[in-house]
N, C-alpha and C. Protein backbone atom coordinates (compact mmCIF):
# COMPACT_ATOMS: atom_id res chain seq x y z
N UNK A 1 0.82 -1.19 0.00
CA UNK A 1 0.00 0.00 0.00
C UNK A 1 0.87 1.26 0.00
N UNK A 2 1.99 1.21 0.71
CA UNK A 2 2.89 2.36 0.76
C UNK A 2 3.45 2.67 -0.63
N UNK A 3 3.78 1.63 -1.39
CA UNK A 3 4.29 1.84 -2.75
C UNK A 3 3.22 2.48 -3.64
N UNK A 4 1.98 2.07 -3.47
CA UNK A 4 0.88 2.61 -4.27
C UNK A 4 0.65 4.08 -3.94
N UNK A 5 0.65 4.41 -2.67
CA UNK A 5 0.48 5.80 -2.24
C UNK A 5 1.63 6.66 -2.77
N UNK A 6 2.86 6.15 -2.64
CA UNK A 6 4.02 6.89 -3.15
C UNK A 6 3.92 7.09 -4.66
N UNK A 7 3.40 6.08 -5.36
CA UNK A 7 3.28 6.17 -6.82
C UNK A 7 2.26 7.26 -7.20
N UNK A 8 1.16 7.36 -6.47
CA UNK A 8 0.18 8.40 -6.76
C UNK A 8 0.70 9.78 -6.37
N UNK A 9 1.49 9.86 -5.33
CA UNK A 9 2.12 11.15 -4.98
C UNK A 9 3.10 11.58 -6.08
N UNK A 10 3.80 10.61 -6.65
CA UNK A 10 4.68 10.89 -7.77
C UNK A 10 3.86 11.41 -8.96
N UNK A 11 2.66 10.86 -9.16
CA UNK A 11 1.77 11.33 -10.24
C UNK A 11 1.39 12.79 -10.02
N UNK A 12 1.16 13.17 -8.79
CA UNK A 12 0.83 14.57 -8.48
C UNK A 12 2.01 15.46 -8.85
N UNK A 13 3.19 15.05 -8.49
CA UNK A 13 4.39 15.83 -8.83
C UNK A 13 4.53 15.95 -10.35
N UNK A 14 4.34 14.83 -11.06
CA UNK A 14 4.44 14.86 -12.53
C UNK A 14 3.37 15.78 -13.14
N UNK A 15 2.17 15.73 -12.59
CA UNK A 15 1.05 16.49 -13.16
C UNK A 15 1.31 18.00 -13.12
N UNK A 16 2.05 18.44 -12.14
CA UNK A 16 2.34 19.87 -12.03
C UNK A 16 3.12 20.35 -13.26
N UNK A 17 3.97 19.50 -13.81
CA UNK A 17 4.83 19.88 -14.94
C UNK A 17 4.37 19.30 -16.27
N UNK A 18 3.37 18.43 -16.24
CA UNK A 18 2.98 17.63 -17.40
C UNK A 18 2.70 18.47 -18.64
N UNK A 19 1.99 19.56 -18.50
CA UNK A 19 1.62 20.36 -19.68
C UNK A 19 2.83 21.01 -20.35
N UNK A 20 3.94 21.13 -19.63
CA UNK A 20 5.14 21.71 -20.24
C UNK A 20 5.97 20.67 -20.99
N UNK A 21 5.63 19.39 -20.85
CA UNK A 21 6.35 18.32 -21.55
C UNK A 21 5.95 18.31 -23.02
N UNK A 22 6.85 17.86 -23.87
CA UNK A 22 6.50 17.63 -25.28
C UNK A 22 5.51 16.47 -25.33
N UNK A 23 4.80 16.35 -26.47
CA UNK A 23 3.85 15.24 -26.62
C UNK A 23 4.56 13.90 -26.48
N UNK A 24 5.76 13.79 -27.01
CA UNK A 24 6.51 12.53 -26.91
C UNK A 24 6.85 12.22 -25.45
N UNK A 25 7.26 13.24 -24.72
CA UNK A 25 7.59 13.02 -23.30
C UNK A 25 6.34 12.73 -22.48
N UNK A 26 5.22 13.37 -22.81
CA UNK A 26 3.97 13.07 -22.12
C UNK A 26 3.60 11.60 -22.32
N UNK A 27 3.69 11.14 -23.57
CA UNK A 27 3.37 9.74 -23.87
C UNK A 27 4.28 8.79 -23.12
N UNK A 28 5.56 9.09 -23.13
CA UNK A 28 6.54 8.24 -22.43
C UNK A 28 6.27 8.25 -20.92
N UNK A 29 5.94 9.39 -20.36
CA UNK A 29 5.67 9.50 -18.92
C UNK A 29 4.43 8.69 -18.55
N UNK A 30 3.36 8.82 -19.33
CA UNK A 30 2.14 8.06 -19.05
C UNK A 30 2.39 6.56 -19.15
N UNK A 31 3.15 6.16 -20.15
CA UNK A 31 3.44 4.74 -20.32
C UNK A 31 4.26 4.19 -19.15
N UNK A 32 5.32 4.88 -18.79
CA UNK A 32 6.17 4.41 -17.69
C UNK A 32 5.40 4.39 -16.37
N UNK A 33 4.62 5.44 -16.11
CA UNK A 33 3.86 5.49 -14.87
C UNK A 33 2.86 4.34 -14.81
N UNK A 34 2.20 4.08 -15.93
CA UNK A 34 1.19 3.01 -15.98
C UNK A 34 1.84 1.63 -15.83
N UNK A 35 2.99 1.43 -16.48
CA UNK A 35 3.71 0.16 -16.32
C UNK A 35 4.09 -0.08 -14.86
N UNK A 36 4.54 0.98 -14.19
CA UNK A 36 4.92 0.86 -12.79
C UNK A 36 3.69 0.56 -11.93
N UNK A 37 2.55 1.18 -12.24
CA UNK A 37 1.32 0.90 -11.51
C UNK A 37 0.97 -0.58 -11.62
N UNK A 38 1.04 -1.13 -12.82
CA UNK A 38 0.74 -2.55 -13.02
C UNK A 38 1.74 -3.42 -12.25
N UNK A 39 2.99 -3.00 -12.21
CA UNK A 39 4.01 -3.73 -11.45
C UNK A 39 3.67 -3.72 -9.96
N UNK A 40 3.32 -2.57 -9.43
CA UNK A 40 2.98 -2.44 -8.00
C UNK A 40 1.77 -3.32 -7.66
N UNK A 41 0.79 -3.35 -8.55
CA UNK A 41 -0.43 -4.13 -8.32
C UNK A 41 -0.28 -5.59 -8.73
N UNK A 42 0.90 -5.95 -9.25
CA UNK A 42 1.20 -7.31 -9.69
C UNK A 42 0.20 -7.78 -10.77
N UNK A 43 -0.06 -6.90 -11.72
CA UNK A 43 -0.96 -7.21 -12.84
C UNK A 43 -0.10 -7.50 -14.06
N UNK A 44 -0.38 -8.62 -14.68
CA UNK A 44 0.34 -8.99 -15.90
C UNK A 44 -0.51 -8.64 -17.11
N UNK A 45 0.14 -8.09 -18.09
CA UNK A 45 -0.53 -7.63 -19.30
C UNK A 45 -0.24 -8.61 -20.43
N UNK A 46 -1.29 -9.04 -21.11
CA UNK A 46 -1.14 -9.92 -22.28
C UNK A 46 -1.89 -9.28 -23.44
N UNK A 47 -1.20 -9.10 -24.54
CA UNK A 47 -1.81 -8.50 -25.72
C UNK A 47 -2.00 -9.60 -26.77
N UNK A 48 -3.21 -9.72 -27.24
CA UNK A 48 -3.51 -10.69 -28.29
C UNK A 48 -3.76 -9.94 -29.58
N UNK A 49 -3.48 -10.58 -30.69
CA UNK A 49 -3.67 -9.94 -31.97
C UNK A 49 -2.42 -9.16 -32.36
N UNK A 50 -2.55 -8.35 -33.34
CA UNK A 50 -1.43 -7.57 -33.85
C UNK A 50 -1.76 -6.08 -33.86
N UNK A 51 -1.75 -5.47 -32.69
CA UNK A 51 -2.05 -4.03 -32.67
C UNK A 51 -0.94 -3.26 -33.37
N UNK A 52 -1.29 -2.16 -34.00
CA UNK A 52 -0.24 -1.35 -34.64
C UNK A 52 0.76 -0.86 -33.60
N UNK A 53 2.02 -0.84 -33.98
CA UNK A 53 3.06 -0.35 -33.07
C UNK A 53 2.81 1.11 -32.69
N UNK A 54 2.55 1.90 -33.70
CA UNK A 54 2.28 3.32 -33.50
C UNK A 54 1.00 3.65 -34.25
N UNK A 55 0.11 4.32 -33.57
CA UNK A 55 -1.12 4.74 -34.24
C UNK A 55 -0.85 5.98 -35.06
N UNK A 56 -1.49 6.07 -36.21
CA UNK A 56 -1.36 7.31 -36.97
C UNK A 56 -1.97 8.46 -36.19
N UNK A 57 -1.52 9.67 -36.52
CA UNK A 57 -2.14 10.84 -35.90
C UNK A 57 -3.63 10.79 -36.20
N UNK A 58 -4.39 11.47 -35.45
CA UNK A 58 -5.84 11.57 -35.60
C UNK A 58 -6.54 10.20 -35.60
N UNK A 59 -6.27 9.42 -34.57
CA UNK A 59 -6.89 8.10 -34.42
C UNK A 59 -7.81 8.08 -33.22
N UNK A 60 -8.79 7.18 -33.27
CA UNK A 60 -9.69 7.00 -32.14
C UNK A 60 -9.67 5.53 -31.73
N UNK A 61 -9.50 5.31 -30.43
CA UNK A 61 -9.60 3.98 -29.85
C UNK A 61 -11.00 3.83 -29.29
N UNK A 62 -11.66 2.73 -29.61
CA UNK A 62 -13.00 2.45 -29.13
C UNK A 62 -12.93 1.13 -28.37
N UNK A 63 -13.16 1.18 -27.06
CA UNK A 63 -12.96 0.00 -26.23
C UNK A 63 -14.13 -0.25 -25.29
N UNK A 64 -14.28 -1.50 -24.91
CA UNK A 64 -15.19 -1.81 -23.82
C UNK A 64 -14.51 -1.38 -22.52
N UNK A 65 -15.25 -1.40 -21.42
CA UNK A 65 -14.74 -0.83 -20.18
C UNK A 65 -15.09 -1.77 -19.02
N UNK A 66 -14.05 -2.35 -18.39
CA UNK A 66 -14.32 -3.27 -17.30
C UNK A 66 -13.76 -2.80 -15.96
N UNK A 67 -12.85 -1.82 -15.99
CA UNK A 67 -12.22 -1.40 -14.74
C UNK A 67 -11.56 -0.04 -14.92
N UNK A 68 -11.30 0.63 -13.80
CA UNK A 68 -10.55 1.88 -13.83
C UNK A 68 -9.14 1.65 -14.38
N UNK A 69 -8.68 0.42 -14.33
CA UNK A 69 -7.34 0.10 -14.84
C UNK A 69 -7.26 0.11 -16.37
N UNK A 70 -8.41 0.08 -17.04
CA UNK A 70 -8.43 0.09 -18.51
C UNK A 70 -7.69 1.30 -19.07
N UNK A 71 -7.82 2.42 -18.40
CA UNK A 71 -7.17 3.65 -18.85
C UNK A 71 -5.66 3.46 -18.88
N UNK A 72 -5.12 2.90 -17.83
CA UNK A 72 -3.67 2.72 -17.74
C UNK A 72 -3.19 1.61 -18.67
N UNK A 73 -4.05 0.62 -18.88
CA UNK A 73 -3.76 -0.43 -19.84
C UNK A 73 -3.58 0.17 -21.23
N UNK A 74 -4.48 1.08 -21.61
CA UNK A 74 -4.37 1.72 -22.91
C UNK A 74 -3.20 2.69 -22.96
N UNK A 75 -2.91 3.39 -21.87
CA UNK A 75 -1.74 4.28 -21.83
C UNK A 75 -0.45 3.49 -22.10
N UNK A 76 -0.39 2.26 -21.63
CA UNK A 76 0.81 1.45 -21.83
C UNK A 76 1.04 1.22 -23.32
N UNK A 77 -0.03 1.00 -24.05
CA UNK A 77 0.10 0.70 -25.47
C UNK A 77 0.12 1.96 -26.35
N UNK A 78 -0.75 2.93 -26.03
CA UNK A 78 -0.89 4.12 -26.87
C UNK A 78 -1.12 5.38 -26.03
N UNK A 79 -0.49 6.48 -26.40
CA UNK A 79 -0.81 7.74 -25.73
C UNK A 79 -2.16 8.24 -26.26
N UNK A 80 -3.10 8.43 -25.39
CA UNK A 80 -4.43 8.85 -25.82
C UNK A 80 -5.01 9.83 -24.81
N UNK A 81 -5.93 10.62 -25.30
CA UNK A 81 -6.74 11.47 -24.43
C UNK A 81 -8.09 10.78 -24.28
N UNK A 82 -8.57 10.70 -23.09
CA UNK A 82 -9.81 9.99 -22.82
C UNK A 82 -10.99 10.93 -22.70
N UNK A 83 -12.17 10.39 -22.98
CA UNK A 83 -13.42 11.08 -22.74
C UNK A 83 -14.02 10.42 -21.50
N UNK A 84 -14.36 11.23 -20.50
CA UNK A 84 -14.90 10.71 -19.25
C UNK A 84 -16.12 11.51 -18.83
N UNK A 85 -16.93 10.88 -18.01
CA UNK A 85 -18.09 11.61 -17.47
C UNK A 85 -17.60 12.75 -16.59
N UNK A 86 -18.34 13.83 -16.60
CA UNK A 86 -17.93 15.05 -15.89
C UNK A 86 -17.75 14.83 -14.40
N UNK A 87 -18.46 13.87 -13.83
CA UNK A 87 -18.34 13.60 -12.40
C UNK A 87 -16.92 13.25 -12.00
N UNK A 88 -16.17 12.64 -12.92
CA UNK A 88 -14.79 12.24 -12.62
C UNK A 88 -13.96 13.46 -12.24
N UNK A 89 -14.23 14.58 -12.88
CA UNK A 89 -13.48 15.81 -12.59
C UNK A 89 -13.62 16.23 -11.12
N UNK A 90 -14.72 15.88 -10.49
CA UNK A 90 -14.95 16.27 -9.09
C UNK A 90 -14.34 15.29 -8.08
N UNK A 91 -13.83 14.16 -8.54
CA UNK A 91 -13.24 13.18 -7.63
C UNK A 91 -11.94 13.73 -7.06
N UNK A 92 -11.77 13.64 -5.75
CA UNK A 92 -10.52 14.15 -5.15
C UNK A 92 -9.29 13.50 -5.79
N UNK A 93 -8.33 14.29 -6.08
CA UNK A 93 -7.05 13.92 -6.66
C UNK A 93 -7.18 13.31 -8.06
N UNK A 94 -7.97 12.25 -8.20
CA UNK A 94 -8.10 11.57 -9.49
C UNK A 94 -8.62 12.52 -10.56
N UNK A 95 -9.63 13.30 -10.24
CA UNK A 95 -10.20 14.24 -11.21
C UNK A 95 -9.18 15.26 -11.69
N UNK A 96 -8.40 15.77 -10.75
CA UNK A 96 -7.35 16.74 -11.10
C UNK A 96 -6.29 16.09 -11.98
N UNK A 97 -5.89 14.86 -11.64
CA UNK A 97 -4.90 14.15 -12.45
C UNK A 97 -5.42 13.89 -13.86
N UNK A 98 -6.68 13.50 -13.96
CA UNK A 98 -7.28 13.26 -15.28
C UNK A 98 -7.28 14.53 -16.12
N UNK A 99 -7.64 15.63 -15.49
CA UNK A 99 -7.66 16.91 -16.21
C UNK A 99 -6.25 17.26 -16.71
N UNK A 100 -5.26 17.08 -15.86
CA UNK A 100 -3.87 17.38 -16.24
C UNK A 100 -3.39 16.49 -17.38
N UNK A 101 -3.92 15.26 -17.46
CA UNK A 101 -3.53 14.33 -18.52
C UNK A 101 -4.26 14.61 -19.83
N UNK A 102 -5.17 15.60 -19.83
CA UNK A 102 -5.84 15.98 -21.08
C UNK A 102 -7.19 15.34 -21.29
N UNK A 103 -7.76 14.76 -20.27
CA UNK A 103 -9.08 14.13 -20.38
C UNK A 103 -10.12 15.17 -20.79
N UNK A 104 -11.02 14.76 -21.66
CA UNK A 104 -12.16 15.59 -22.07
C UNK A 104 -13.37 15.11 -21.29
N UNK A 105 -14.08 16.02 -20.67
CA UNK A 105 -15.20 15.64 -19.80
C UNK A 105 -16.54 15.98 -20.45
N UNK A 106 -17.47 15.03 -20.35
CA UNK A 106 -18.81 15.21 -20.90
C UNK A 106 -19.84 15.14 -19.76
N UNK A 107 -20.79 16.05 -19.81
CA UNK A 107 -21.90 16.03 -18.85
C UNK A 107 -23.01 15.20 -19.49
N UNK A 108 -23.04 13.94 -19.13
CA UNK A 108 -23.98 13.02 -19.77
C UNK A 108 -25.43 13.35 -19.49
N UNK A 109 -25.71 14.01 -18.37
CA UNK A 109 -27.08 14.36 -18.03
C UNK A 109 -27.62 15.47 -18.93
N UNK A 110 -26.72 16.24 -19.54
CA UNK A 110 -27.13 17.33 -20.44
C UNK A 110 -26.99 16.86 -21.87
N UNK A 111 -28.10 16.59 -22.49
CA UNK A 111 -28.10 16.05 -23.85
C UNK A 111 -27.35 16.95 -24.83
N UNK A 112 -27.47 18.24 -24.66
CA UNK A 112 -26.82 19.17 -25.60
C UNK A 112 -25.32 19.25 -25.38
N UNK A 113 -24.81 18.70 -24.31
CA UNK A 113 -23.37 18.71 -24.08
C UNK A 113 -22.64 17.81 -25.09
N UNK A 114 -23.39 16.91 -25.70
CA UNK A 114 -22.81 16.03 -26.73
C UNK A 114 -22.23 16.87 -27.87
N UNK A 115 -22.92 17.90 -28.28
CA UNK A 115 -22.43 18.76 -29.37
C UNK A 115 -21.11 19.41 -28.98
N UNK A 116 -21.01 19.90 -27.75
CA UNK A 116 -19.78 20.54 -27.28
C UNK A 116 -18.63 19.54 -27.23
N UNK A 117 -18.86 18.38 -26.65
CA UNK A 117 -17.77 17.40 -26.52
C UNK A 117 -17.37 16.87 -27.88
N UNK A 118 -18.35 16.69 -28.78
CA UNK A 118 -18.01 16.22 -30.12
C UNK A 118 -17.15 17.24 -30.87
N UNK A 119 -17.44 18.51 -30.66
CA UNK A 119 -16.60 19.56 -31.27
C UNK A 119 -15.18 19.50 -30.69
N UNK A 120 -15.07 19.31 -29.39
CA UNK A 120 -13.74 19.22 -28.75
C UNK A 120 -12.98 17.98 -29.23
N UNK A 121 -13.69 16.86 -29.35
CA UNK A 121 -13.05 15.63 -29.84
C UNK A 121 -12.60 15.82 -31.29
N UNK A 122 -13.48 16.38 -32.12
CA UNK A 122 -13.12 16.62 -33.53
C UNK A 122 -11.88 17.49 -33.64
N UNK A 123 -11.85 18.57 -32.86
CA UNK A 123 -10.69 19.47 -32.90
C UNK A 123 -9.42 18.75 -32.44
N UNK A 124 -9.53 17.94 -31.39
CA UNK A 124 -8.38 17.18 -30.90
C UNK A 124 -7.88 16.20 -31.97
N UNK A 125 -8.80 15.54 -32.66
CA UNK A 125 -8.41 14.62 -33.74
C UNK A 125 -7.74 15.37 -34.88
N UNK A 126 -8.31 16.51 -35.26
CA UNK A 126 -7.72 17.33 -36.33
C UNK A 126 -6.32 17.79 -35.93
N UNK A 127 -6.13 18.06 -34.63
CA UNK A 127 -4.81 18.48 -34.13
C UNK A 127 -3.83 17.33 -34.01
N UNK A 128 -4.29 16.10 -34.34
CA UNK A 128 -3.39 14.96 -34.34
C UNK A 128 -3.39 14.13 -33.08
N UNK A 129 -4.31 14.41 -32.15
CA UNK A 129 -4.37 13.61 -30.93
C UNK A 129 -5.04 12.27 -31.20
N UNK A 130 -4.71 11.31 -30.36
CA UNK A 130 -5.42 10.04 -30.32
C UNK A 130 -6.45 10.18 -29.19
N UNK A 131 -7.68 9.84 -29.49
CA UNK A 131 -8.76 9.94 -28.51
C UNK A 131 -9.24 8.52 -28.19
N UNK A 132 -9.47 8.26 -26.92
CA UNK A 132 -9.99 6.96 -26.50
C UNK A 132 -11.36 7.15 -25.87
N UNK A 133 -12.31 6.33 -26.30
CA UNK A 133 -13.66 6.40 -25.75
C UNK A 133 -14.11 5.01 -25.32
N UNK A 134 -14.95 5.00 -24.32
CA UNK A 134 -15.64 3.80 -23.86
C UNK A 134 -17.12 4.03 -24.15
N UNK A 135 -17.57 3.71 -25.37
CA UNK A 135 -18.92 4.10 -25.78
C UNK A 135 -20.05 3.36 -25.07
N UNK A 136 -19.72 2.36 -24.23
CA UNK A 136 -20.77 1.74 -23.42
C UNK A 136 -21.19 2.69 -22.29
N UNK A 137 -20.32 3.64 -21.97
CA UNK A 137 -20.55 4.65 -20.92
C UNK A 137 -20.71 4.06 -19.53
N UNK A 138 -20.23 2.86 -19.34
CA UNK A 138 -20.24 2.22 -18.02
C UNK A 138 -19.28 1.03 -18.06
N UNK A 139 -19.03 0.47 -16.91
CA UNK A 139 -18.21 -0.74 -16.86
C UNK A 139 -19.12 -1.97 -16.83
N UNK A 140 -18.55 -3.08 -17.30
CA UNK A 140 -19.22 -4.38 -17.22
C UNK A 140 -18.19 -5.37 -16.70
N UNK A 141 -18.60 -6.62 -16.55
CA UNK A 141 -17.65 -7.64 -16.10
C UNK A 141 -16.81 -8.18 -17.26
N UNK A 142 -17.03 -7.66 -18.45
CA UNK A 142 -16.23 -8.04 -19.60
C UNK A 142 -16.73 -9.25 -20.36
N UNK A 143 -17.81 -9.88 -19.90
CA UNK A 143 -18.32 -11.07 -20.60
C UNK A 143 -19.31 -10.73 -21.70
N UNK A 144 -19.72 -9.47 -21.76
CA UNK A 144 -20.66 -9.04 -22.80
C UNK A 144 -20.46 -7.55 -23.06
N UNK A 145 -20.99 -7.09 -24.18
CA UNK A 145 -20.96 -5.67 -24.52
C UNK A 145 -22.34 -5.08 -24.36
N UNK A 146 -22.39 -3.90 -23.81
CA UNK A 146 -23.64 -3.15 -23.76
C UNK A 146 -23.76 -2.35 -25.05
N UNK A 147 -24.90 -1.76 -25.26
CA UNK A 147 -25.11 -0.92 -26.44
C UNK A 147 -24.13 0.25 -26.42
N UNK A 148 -23.58 0.57 -27.58
CA UNK A 148 -22.66 1.70 -27.70
C UNK A 148 -23.47 2.98 -27.90
N UNK A 149 -23.02 4.05 -27.28
CA UNK A 149 -23.57 5.38 -27.53
C UNK A 149 -22.81 5.93 -28.74
N UNK A 150 -23.41 5.78 -29.89
CA UNK A 150 -22.71 6.09 -31.15
C UNK A 150 -22.39 7.56 -31.32
N UNK A 151 -23.03 8.44 -30.56
CA UNK A 151 -22.75 9.87 -30.73
C UNK A 151 -21.28 10.19 -30.45
N UNK A 152 -20.61 9.40 -29.62
CA UNK A 152 -19.19 9.63 -29.34
C UNK A 152 -18.30 9.25 -30.51
N UNK A 153 -18.84 8.52 -31.48
CA UNK A 153 -18.06 8.11 -32.65
C UNK A 153 -18.18 9.12 -33.79
N UNK A 154 -19.17 9.99 -33.72
CA UNK A 154 -19.40 10.98 -34.79
C UNK A 154 -18.17 11.85 -35.07
N UNK A 155 -17.43 12.30 -34.05
CA UNK A 155 -16.27 13.15 -34.35
C UNK A 155 -15.22 12.44 -35.21
N UNK A 156 -15.08 11.14 -35.07
CA UNK A 156 -14.13 10.40 -35.90
C UNK A 156 -14.56 10.45 -37.36
N UNK A 157 -15.85 10.36 -37.60
CA UNK A 157 -16.37 10.45 -38.97
C UNK A 157 -16.12 11.84 -39.52
N UNK A 158 -16.45 12.85 -38.73
CA UNK A 158 -16.30 14.24 -39.19
C UNK A 158 -14.83 14.60 -39.45
N UNK A 159 -13.93 14.08 -38.61
CA UNK A 159 -12.50 14.38 -38.76
C UNK A 159 -11.79 13.40 -39.69
N UNK A 160 -12.54 12.46 -40.24
CA UNK A 160 -11.98 11.41 -41.10
C UNK A 160 -10.82 10.70 -40.40
N UNK A 161 -11.02 10.40 -39.13
CA UNK A 161 -10.00 9.73 -38.33
C UNK A 161 -10.11 8.21 -38.49
N UNK A 162 -9.03 7.55 -38.22
CA UNK A 162 -9.04 6.09 -38.20
C UNK A 162 -9.60 5.64 -36.85
N UNK A 163 -10.42 4.62 -36.88
CA UNK A 163 -11.01 4.09 -35.65
C UNK A 163 -10.46 2.69 -35.42
N UNK A 164 -9.94 2.45 -34.22
CA UNK A 164 -9.38 1.16 -33.86
C UNK A 164 -10.18 0.53 -32.72
N UNK A 165 -10.77 -0.64 -32.96
CA UNK A 165 -11.49 -1.31 -31.89
C UNK A 165 -10.51 -2.00 -30.94
N UNK A 166 -10.84 -1.96 -29.65
CA UNK A 166 -10.02 -2.61 -28.63
C UNK A 166 -10.95 -3.44 -27.75
N UNK A 167 -10.60 -4.71 -27.55
CA UNK A 167 -11.35 -5.55 -26.63
C UNK A 167 -10.52 -5.79 -25.39
N UNK A 168 -11.06 -5.39 -24.25
CA UNK A 168 -10.36 -5.58 -22.98
C UNK A 168 -11.01 -6.77 -22.28
N UNK A 169 -10.19 -7.77 -21.99
CA UNK A 169 -10.68 -9.01 -21.39
C UNK A 169 -9.97 -9.25 -20.07
N UNK A 170 -10.61 -9.98 -19.20
CA UNK A 170 -9.98 -10.36 -17.94
C UNK A 170 -9.04 -11.53 -18.16
């Protein structure tokens, strides 16, 4: 537990300077931090299939969602900006860290917020960012998929981005 607490305190220190890092250094920092988190938690990562080594600019990852660890799992493989429910921003420490990492927040209770977040996602894709979404908008146990909220995929169409499906399994 002490190692985990120290690791999150290190994340706070990194977050203070994160926006001044180059995109390459941000990606490397997120990957190393996530790998260390998995090491501390004794989680082994197995990748099946042939994922691209490097995603082209303006790509979208579309994944199912089974745990808070999914975010770090994807950081290990690809630097991405995530779309999260706005409530996450209010979570102590975690919300601030997510914001510093470039997370885009959507207010799911406000139907018209979809237009705002889609514009932000489109602009991020046009700027060359990789965006990751969990279109089920909730977690499951990983044995089935819930219906996707397709409105989160619209920005990829508008920005003519490549979409990569990701299946996260236990």
